[in-house]
Structure formats: structure tokens, C-alpha cells
Amino acid sequence: MAVKPLDLVGVIRGYMIETQVYCEAKLHYMITSRGEEARVTEGEARRLVEETLRLLRTPRGRGIEFLRAPISARLNDAYITLSPDAIVYVDGSIAGLLEARIRGDLRYYDSDFVTLEVGGLLLEELLGVELGTLKLVLIVARSREGLREALEETNVNPFKPERRMSWVRVTRVYNRGESISKLSHLLEYWLGMRGFKPRPSPFKCRVCEYSSMCPARVMNA
């Protein structure tokens, strides 16, 4: 019986999900070739979940507050843990998740939002409630200075979409159904229900360290 990809890692981490959305072939070669990647045990995974619950249950004050904490839960027979750049509280209640990127062209991609979408599902699992009004906030800045400026603005109004010369802030409303559909498809790979599906392109294949072993690589990359 073939080893399931999940068996190799024990816990699915946020950066793995982002890599999977970027190109599943890259993820597959990454997790099967890295001998130094230690498998997380189920006991360690449970402790991650308990730590997340402890942090989420800590009382919060009034106004806007940002918490930097990992989010861990068990979904569809898999432990998943990720660390959004911030959990946004408004008047003591979780109101949003925030991720930030530094990128010269201010473009954003599906892989940038997937951590936020999965984070919403993990929070719902942990809290036992649906978060239909949860906001997913992505900041893309050209530089560290631009990111600092964007975060200062975000402290005032974290959910307002805005664009400046040096940064852009995009806000989406969390959609439980769409997030479940996306995660279910991703987990099919981890649980050994299907093989990996490459997403080759000239740029991706040119910069991928695993292109020499990948039959799906773009030959003229």
C-alpha cells in the first residue's frame, strides 16, 4: 500500500497548502525528498490544538486588537496548523484574519488567500460556530516601508479595501462553502485519494528546484 503524503509529515502546515495551490507537483517533490523534515506526531498535533484554544479563549479588550498566533485543528482526518500574520479582534470578538506580502508588482494570487480561507475553517472547528461575517484581509506592499505604512493604516480601519502607490489592501468576506470545497479537493491529495496535479508554467518551472525530476515541467522554461 502506498504511503499517503499526510503520513510523511503528520501535520499539514500553512506553507505546504500555499505551495500546493501554487503547484502540487512542487509540493509533492518537496515533501518526498526532504529528509530533514521531521514528522509531527499525533500527540504534538493535539498540543498545537490545545495551545490555539488557550490563546483564543484569552479575554480581549475593546477596540481593534491584533493577535499573532498559530491556528491548529483537525479537519477531515488531518491535523492542519497555520500562522496568519494576525487574527483581528474588534471589541473582543474575532472579526478577521490578515496576511501580508512584499511583492514588487502588487499582484495577488489564489495561493495568497488560501491560508486565510483555511484559517476560517480551522477557527470555526475550534470555536464550534460559523463565522459568516469573518473578513479575510490581504496586504501586498512593494517594500518593508510600504508594508509598515499599510499596517499603520490597517490599525485604524482593518477591513477597508484601499490602494496606494506602495501597497494595496484587499478584503474578502469568508465563504464557508467555497472554503470547504477548496480544502476538500486539496485534502484528496494528502489522504492518498488522488495523485498530484502539476500547474506548470514557464516561470514556475524555471525557478522550481525540482523541475529536473518533474515530467510535467515546461520544456522551454
C-alpha atoms as a PDB file:
ATOM      1  CA  MET A   1       0.000   0.000   0.000  1.00  0.00           C
ATOM      2  CA  ALA A   2       1.416   3.374  -0.997  1.00  0.00           C
ATOM      3  CA  VAL A   3       2.273   5.822   1.757  1.00  0.00           C
ATOM      4  CA  LYS A   4      -0.134   8.746   1.897  1.00  0.00           C
ATOM      5  CA  PRO A   5       1.517  12.186   1.697  1.00  0.00           C
ATOM      6  CA  LEU A   6      -0.056  13.022   5.073  1.00  0.00           C
ATOM      7  CA  ASP A   7       1.809  10.097   6.642  1.00  0.00           C
ATOM      8  CA  LEU A   8       5.113  11.713   5.674  1.00  0.00           C
ATOM      9  CA  VAL A   9       4.503  14.951   7.574  1.00  0.00           C
ATOM     10  CA  GLY A  10       1.935  14.199  10.295  1.00  0.00           C
ATOM     11  CA  VAL A  11       0.586  17.746  10.240  1.00  0.00           C
ATOM     12  CA  ILE A  12      -0.230  19.886   7.201  1.00  0.00           C
ATOM     13  CA  ARG A  13       1.318  23.333   7.629  1.00  0.00           C
ATOM     14  CA  GLY A  14       0.123  26.550   6.072  1.00  0.00           C
ATOM     15  CA  TYR A  15       3.131  26.985   3.787  1.00  0.00           C
ATOM     16  CA  MET A  16       2.501  23.485   2.417  1.00  0.00           C
ATOM     17  CA  ILE A  17      -1.055  24.416   1.444  1.00  0.00           C
ATOM     18  CA  GLU A  18       0.173  27.587  -0.265  1.00  0.00           C
ATOM     19  CA  THR A  19       2.786  25.578  -2.168  1.00  0.00           C
ATOM     20  CA  GLN A  20       0.105  23.046  -3.123  1.00  0.00           C
ATOM     21  CA  VAL A  21      -2.098  25.734  -4.665  1.00  0.00           C
ATOM     22  CA  TYR A  22       0.938  27.225  -6.449  1.00  0.00           C
ATOM     23  CA  CYS A  23       1.926  23.845  -7.926  1.00  0.00           C
ATOM     24  CA  GLU A  24       1.049  20.475  -6.432  1.00  0.00           C
ATOM     25  CA  ALA A  25       3.981  18.799  -8.166  1.00  0.00           C
ATOM     26  CA  LYS A  26       6.403  21.124  -6.383  1.00  0.00           C
ATOM     27  CA  LEU A  27       4.774  20.264  -3.056  1.00  0.00           C
ATOM     28  CA  HIS A  28       4.929  16.534  -3.782  1.00  0.00           C
ATOM     29  CA  TYR A  29       8.637  16.549  -4.606  1.00  0.00           C
ATOM     30  CA  MET A  30       9.341  18.830  -1.657  1.00  0.00           C
ATOM     31  CA  ILE A  31       7.770  16.586   0.982  1.00  0.00           C
ATOM     32  CA  THR A  32       9.044  13.327  -0.510  1.00  0.00           C
ATOM     33  CA  SER A  33      12.663  14.472  -0.929  1.00  0.00           C
ATOM     34  CA  ARG A  34      13.328  16.419   2.278  1.00  0.00           C
ATOM     35  CA  GLY A  35      14.962  14.025   4.663  1.00  0.00           C
ATOM     36  CA  GLU A  36      15.351  16.725   7.320  1.00  0.00           C
ATOM     37  CA  GLU A  37      11.591  17.344   7.569  1.00  0.00           C
ATOM     38  CA  ALA A  38      10.610  15.688  10.859  1.00  0.00           C
ATOM     39  CA  ARG A  39       7.167  14.117  11.034  1.00  0.00           C
ATOM     40  CA  VAL A  40       4.891  15.651  13.669  1.00  0.00           C
ATOM     41  CA  THR A  41       3.282  13.054  15.943  1.00  0.00           C
ATOM     42  CA  GLU A  42      -0.414  12.980  16.816  1.00  0.00           C
ATOM     43  CA  GLY A  43       0.394  13.926  20.406  1.00  0.00           C
ATOM     44  CA  GLU A  44       2.304  17.001  19.250  1.00  0.00           C
ATOM     45  CA  ALA A  45      -0.580  17.888  16.941  1.00  0.00           C
ATOM     46  CA  ARG A  46      -3.076  17.711  19.809  1.00  0.00           C
ATOM     47  CA  ARG A  47      -0.883  20.018  21.870  1.00  0.00           C
ATOM     48  CA  LEU A  48      -0.913  22.537  18.999  1.00  0.00           C
ATOM     49  CA  VAL A  49      -4.719  22.467  19.080  1.00  0.00           C
ATOM     50  CA  GLU A  50      -4.798  22.928  22.874  1.00  0.00           C
ATOM     51  CA  GLU A  51      -2.421  25.898  22.634  1.00  0.00           C
ATOM     52  CA  THR A  52      -4.621  27.507  19.982  1.00  0.00           C
ATOM     53  CA  LEU A  53      -7.712  27.079  22.177  1.00  0.00           C
ATOM     54  CA  ARG A  54      -5.901  28.640  25.144  1.00  0.00           C
ATOM     55  CA  LEU A  55      -4.945  31.708  23.108  1.00  0.00           C
ATOM     56  CA  LEU A  56      -8.401  32.122  21.571  1.00  0.00           C
ATOM     57  CA  ARG A  57     -10.096  31.909  24.974  1.00  0.00           C
ATOM     58  CA  THR A  58      -7.931  34.647  26.467  1.00  0.00           C
ATOM     59  CA  PRO A  59     -10.226  37.655  27.104  1.00  0.00           C
ATOM     60  CA  ARG A  60      -9.735  40.638  24.786  1.00  0.00           C
ATOM     61  CA  GLY A  61     -10.396  44.309  25.342  1.00  0.00           C
ATOM     62  CA  ARG A  62     -12.427  46.860  23.411  1.00  0.00           C
ATOM     63  CA  GLY A  63     -11.460  48.412  20.092  1.00  0.00           C
ATOM     64  CA  ILE A  64      -9.220  46.836  17.440  1.00  0.00           C
ATOM     65  CA  GLU A  65      -6.601  44.305  18.521  1.00  0.00           C
ATOM     66  CA  PHE A  66      -4.217  42.099  16.526  1.00  0.00           C
ATOM     67  CA  LEU A  67      -3.111  38.687  17.802  1.00  0.00           C
ATOM     68  CA  ARG A  68      -0.207  36.775  16.269  1.00  0.00           C
ATOM     69  CA  ALA A  69      -0.880  33.111  16.985  1.00  0.00           C
ATOM     70  CA  PRO A  70      -0.936  29.760  15.191  1.00  0.00           C
ATOM     71  CA  ILE A  71      -4.305  28.221  14.376  1.00  0.00           C
ATOM     72  CA  SER A  72      -4.470  24.439  14.648  1.00  0.00           C
ATOM     73  CA  ALA A  73      -7.366  21.993  14.351  1.00  0.00           C
ATOM     74  CA  ARG A  74      -8.295  18.594  12.963  1.00  0.00           C
ATOM     75  CA  LEU A  75     -10.338  18.622   9.753  1.00  0.00           C
ATOM     76  CA  ASN A  76     -11.289  15.619   7.595  1.00  0.00           C
ATOM     77  CA  ASP A  77      -8.875  13.220   9.335  1.00  0.00           C
ATOM     78  CA  ALA A  78      -5.967  15.657   9.037  1.00  0.00           C
ATOM     79  CA  TYR A  79      -4.325  17.962  11.534  1.00  0.00           C
ATOM     80  CA  ILE A  80      -3.707  21.367   9.983  1.00  0.00           C
ATOM     81  CA  THR A  81      -1.745  24.227  11.510  1.00  0.00           C
ATOM     82  CA  LEU A  82      -1.052  27.655  10.056  1.00  0.00           C
ATOM     83  CA  SER A  83       0.076  31.041  11.279  1.00  0.00           C
ATOM     84  CA  PRO A  84      -1.721  34.006   9.736  1.00  0.00           C
ATOM     85  CA  ASP A  85       0.083  37.284  10.231  1.00  0.00           C
ATOM     86  CA  ALA A  86      -2.744  38.399  12.518  1.00  0.00           C
ATOM     87  CA  ILE A  87      -6.084  37.393  13.961  1.00  0.00           C
ATOM     88  CA  VAL A  88      -8.085  40.623  14.076  1.00  0.00           C
ATOM     89  CA  TYR A  89     -10.336  41.235  17.070  1.00  0.00           C
ATOM     90  CA  VAL A  90     -12.934  44.003  17.203  1.00  0.00           C
ATOM     91  CA  ASP A  91     -14.445  44.688  20.628  1.00  0.00           C
ATOM     92  CA  GLY A  92     -13.284  41.341  21.959  1.00  0.00           C
ATOM     93  CA  SER A  93     -14.588  39.151  19.120  1.00  0.00           C
ATOM     94  CA  ILE A  94     -12.737  37.601  16.189  1.00  0.00           C
ATOM     95  CA  ALA A  95     -13.599  39.686  13.130  1.00  0.00           C
ATOM     96  CA  GLY A  96     -10.890  38.912  10.574  1.00  0.00           C
ATOM     97  CA  LEU A  97      -7.687  37.204   9.512  1.00  0.00           C
ATOM     98  CA  LEU A  98      -4.799  39.109   7.941  1.00  0.00           C
ATOM     99  CA  GLU A  99      -1.874  38.103   5.717  1.00  0.00           C
ATOM    100  CA  ALA A 100       0.836  40.413   4.343  1.00  0.00           C
ATOM    101  CA  ARG A 101       3.194  40.003   1.390  1.00  0.00           C
ATOM    102  CA  ILE A 102       6.077  42.056  -0.030  1.00  0.00           C
ATOM    103  CA  ARG A 103       5.960  41.922  -3.819  1.00  0.00           C
ATOM    104  CA  GLY A 104       7.130  44.469  -6.370  1.00  0.00           C
ATOM    105  CA  ASP A 105       4.159  44.377  -8.728  1.00  0.00           C
ATOM    106  CA  LEU A 106       1.387  44.464  -6.048  1.00  0.00           C
ATOM    107  CA  ARG A 107      -0.311  41.462  -7.641  1.00  0.00           C
ATOM    108  CA  TYR A 108      -2.083  38.845  -5.545  1.00  0.00           C
ATOM    109  CA  TYR A 109      -2.957  35.226  -6.224  1.00  0.00           C
ATOM    110  CA  ASP A 110      -5.210  32.383  -5.052  1.00  0.00           C
ATOM    111  CA  SER A 111      -2.304  30.943  -3.071  1.00  0.00           C
ATOM    112  CA  ASP A 112      -2.134  34.188  -1.060  1.00  0.00           C
ATOM    113  CA  PHE A 113      -5.738  33.801   0.113  1.00  0.00           C
ATOM    114  CA  VAL A 114      -5.779  30.053   0.740  1.00  0.00           C
ATOM    115  CA  THR A 115      -4.182  30.402   4.195  1.00  0.00           C
ATOM    116  CA  LEU A 116      -6.934  32.826   5.176  1.00  0.00           C
ATOM    117  CA  GLU A 117      -9.707  30.608   3.791  1.00  0.00           C
ATOM    118  CA  VAL A 118      -8.436  27.501   5.552  1.00  0.00           C
ATOM    119  CA  GLY A 119      -7.848  29.587   8.686  1.00  0.00           C
ATOM    120  CA  GLY A 120     -11.548  30.440   8.732  1.00  0.00           C
ATOM    121  CA  LEU A 121     -12.449  26.743   8.675  1.00  0.00           C
ATOM    122  CA  LEU A 122      -9.992  25.977  11.470  1.00  0.00           C
ATOM    123  CA  LEU A 123     -11.403  28.759  13.635  1.00  0.00           C
ATOM    124  CA  GLU A 124     -14.948  27.503  13.102  1.00  0.00           C
ATOM    125  CA  GLU A 125     -13.898  23.984  14.076  1.00  0.00           C
ATOM    126  CA  LEU A 126     -12.202  25.224  17.231  1.00  0.00           C
ATOM    127  CA  LEU A 127     -14.938  27.631  18.323  1.00  0.00           C
ATOM    128  CA  GLY A 128     -17.894  25.485  17.281  1.00  0.00           C
ATOM    129  CA  VAL A 129     -19.625  28.374  15.484  1.00  0.00           C
ATOM    130  CA  GLU A 130     -19.925  29.587  11.910  1.00  0.00           C
ATOM    131  CA  LEU A 131     -18.085  32.833  11.160  1.00  0.00           C
ATOM    132  CA  GLY A 132     -20.183  34.134   8.289  1.00  0.00           C
ATOM    133  CA  THR A 133     -19.048  37.736   8.745  1.00  0.00           C
ATOM    134  CA  LEU A 134     -15.324  36.960   9.049  1.00  0.00           C
ATOM    135  CA  LYS A 135     -13.171  39.213   6.855  1.00  0.00           C
ATOM    136  CA  LEU A 136     -10.113  37.935   5.000  1.00  0.00           C
ATOM    137  CA  VAL A 137      -7.568  40.730   4.553  1.00  0.00           C
ATOM    138  CA  LEU A 138      -4.538  40.596   2.275  1.00  0.00           C
ATOM    139  CA  ILE A 139      -1.912  43.351   2.164  1.00  0.00           C
ATOM    140  CA  VAL A 140       0.632  43.408  -0.664  1.00  0.00           C
ATOM    141  CA  ALA A 141       3.408  46.019  -0.392  1.00  0.00           C
ATOM    142  CA  ARG A 142       6.362  46.910  -2.611  1.00  0.00           C
ATOM    143  CA  SER A 143       8.802  47.202   0.297  1.00  0.00           C
ATOM    144  CA  ARG A 144       9.133  46.939   4.055  1.00  0.00           C
ATOM    145  CA  GLU A 145       8.496  50.670   4.282  1.00  0.00           C
ATOM    146  CA  GLY A 146       5.304  50.300   2.252  1.00  0.00           C
ATOM    147  CA  LEU A 147       4.185  47.416   4.436  1.00  0.00           C
ATOM    148  CA  ARG A 148       4.818  49.456   7.572  1.00  0.00           C
ATOM    149  CA  GLU A 149       2.671  52.273   6.162  1.00  0.00           C
ATOM    150  CA  ALA A 150      -0.088  49.819   5.201  1.00  0.00           C
ATOM    151  CA  LEU A 151      -0.135  48.272   8.671  1.00  0.00           C
ATOM    152  CA  GLU A 152      -0.380  51.696  10.302  1.00  0.00           C
ATOM    153  CA  GLU A 153      -3.445  52.413   8.150  1.00  0.00           C
ATOM    154  CA  THR A 154      -4.828  48.979   8.964  1.00  0.00           C
ATOM    155  CA  ASN A 155      -4.682  49.770  12.681  1.00  0.00           C
ATOM    156  CA  VAL A 156      -7.336  52.412  12.013  1.00  0.00           C
ATOM    157  CA  ASN A 157      -9.626  50.526   9.624  1.00  0.00           C
ATOM    158  CA  PRO A 158      -8.520  46.927   9.117  1.00  0.00           C
ATOM    159  CA  PHE A 159     -11.198  45.901   6.611  1.00  0.00           C
ATOM    160  CA  LYS A 160     -11.410  48.848   4.215  1.00  0.00           C
ATOM    161  CA  PRO A 161     -10.125  47.954   0.708  1.00  0.00           C
ATOM    162  CA  GLU A 162      -7.534  50.520  -0.310  1.00  0.00           C
ATOM    163  CA  ARG A 163      -4.800  51.082  -2.873  1.00  0.00           C
ATOM    164  CA  ARG A 164      -1.769  53.346  -2.694  1.00  0.00           C
ATOM    165  CA  MET A 165       1.364  53.682  -4.805  1.00  0.00           C
ATOM    166  CA  SER A 166       3.347  51.443  -2.452  1.00  0.00           C
ATOM    167  CA  TRP A 167       0.714  48.991  -1.206  1.00  0.00           C
ATOM    168  CA  VAL A 168      -2.725  47.510  -1.741  1.00  0.00           C
ATOM    169  CA  ARG A 169      -5.186  46.077   0.777  1.00  0.00           C
ATOM    170  CA  VAL A 170      -7.778  43.593  -0.470  1.00  0.00           C
ATOM    171  CA  THR A 171     -10.681  42.343   1.648  1.00  0.00           C
ATOM    172  CA  ARG A 172     -12.916  39.354   1.010  1.00  0.00           C
ATOM    173  CA  VAL A 173     -15.778  38.021   3.088  1.00  0.00           C
ATOM    174  CA  TYR A 174     -15.116  34.468   4.254  1.00  0.00           C
ATOM    175  CA  ASN A 175     -17.311  31.955   2.426  1.00  0.00           C
ATOM    176  CA  ARG A 176     -17.615  28.666   4.289  1.00  0.00           C
ATOM    177  CA  GLY A 177     -18.969  26.683   1.336  1.00  0.00           C
ATOM    178  CA  GLU A 178     -16.233  27.794  -1.044  1.00  0.00           C
ATOM    179  CA  SER A 179     -13.537  27.166   1.564  1.00  0.00           C
ATOM    180  CA  ILE A 180     -14.830  23.643   2.281  1.00  0.00           C
ATOM    181  CA  SER A 181     -14.910  22.847  -1.447  1.00  0.00           C
ATOM    182  CA  LYS A 182     -11.350  24.109  -1.949  1.00  0.00           C
ATOM    183  CA  LEU A 183      -9.946  22.325   1.112  1.00  0.00           C
ATOM    184  CA  SER A 184     -11.730  19.058   0.280  1.00  0.00           C
ATOM    185  CA  HIS A 185     -10.045  18.973  -3.114  1.00  0.00           C
ATOM    186  CA  LEU A 186      -6.641  19.729  -1.585  1.00  0.00           C
ATOM    187  CA  LEU A 187      -7.051  17.058   1.104  1.00  0.00           C
ATOM    188  CA  GLU A 188      -7.784  14.399  -1.509  1.00  0.00           C
ATOM    189  CA  TYR A 189      -4.079  14.545  -2.373  1.00  0.00           C
ATOM    190  CA  TRP A 190      -2.927  14.411   1.257  1.00  0.00           C
ATOM    191  CA  LEU A 191      -5.185  11.443   2.065  1.00  0.00           C
ATOM    192  CA  GLY A 192      -3.986   9.458  -0.950  1.00  0.00           C
ATOM    193  CA  MET A 193      -7.301   9.684  -2.804  1.00  0.00           C
ATOM    194  CA  ARG A 194      -5.634  11.043  -5.957  1.00  0.00           C
ATOM    195  CA  GLY A 195      -2.219  11.755  -7.383  1.00  0.00           C
ATOM    196  CA  PHE A 196      -0.633  15.186  -7.522  1.00  0.00           C
ATOM    197  CA  LYS A 197      -1.722  17.600 -10.234  1.00  0.00           C
ATOM    198  CA  PRO A 198       1.018  19.902 -11.569  1.00  0.00           C
ATOM    199  CA  ARG A 199       0.368  23.512 -12.514  1.00  0.00           C
ATOM    200  CA  PRO A 200       3.326  24.136 -14.827  1.00  0.00           C
ATOM    201  CA  SER A 201       4.189  27.443 -16.427  1.00  0.00           C
ATOM    202  CA  PRO A 202       7.411  28.817 -17.957  1.00  0.00           C
ATOM    203  CA  PHE A 203       8.098  30.977 -14.913  1.00  0.00           C
ATOM    204  CA  LYS A 204       7.209  28.364 -12.286  1.00  0.00           C
ATOM    205  CA  CYS A 205       9.265  25.649 -13.929  1.00  0.00           C
ATOM    206  CA  ARG A 206      12.237  27.970 -14.482  1.00  0.00           C
ATOM    207  CA  VAL A 207      12.530  28.814 -10.780  1.00  0.00           C
ATOM    208  CA  CYS A 208      11.482  25.443  -9.336  1.00  0.00           C
ATOM    209  CA  GLU A 209      14.294  23.453  -7.724  1.00  0.00           C
ATOM    210  CA  TYR A 210      12.515  20.201  -8.574  1.00  0.00           C
ATOM    211  CA  SER A 211      11.995  20.806 -12.298  1.00  0.00           C
ATOM    212  CA  SER A 212      14.734  18.349 -13.307  1.00  0.00           C
ATOM    213  CA  MET A 213      12.771  15.445 -11.805  1.00  0.00           C
ATOM    214  CA  CYS A 214       9.292  16.591 -12.858  1.00  0.00           C
ATOM    215  CA  PRO A 215       7.856  15.136 -16.080  1.00  0.00           C
ATOM    216  CA  ALA A 216       5.305  17.948 -16.219  1.00  0.00           C
ATOM    217  CA  ARG A 217       7.893  20.722 -16.479  1.00  0.00           C
ATOM    218  CA  VAL A 218       7.603  23.160 -19.333  1.00  0.00           C
ATOM    219  CA  MET A 219      10.442  22.057 -21.594  1.00  0.00           C
ATOM    220  CA  ASN A 220      11.385  25.534 -22.807  1.00  0.00           C
ATOM    221  CA  ALA A 221      11.356  27.014 -19.305  1.00  0.00           C
END
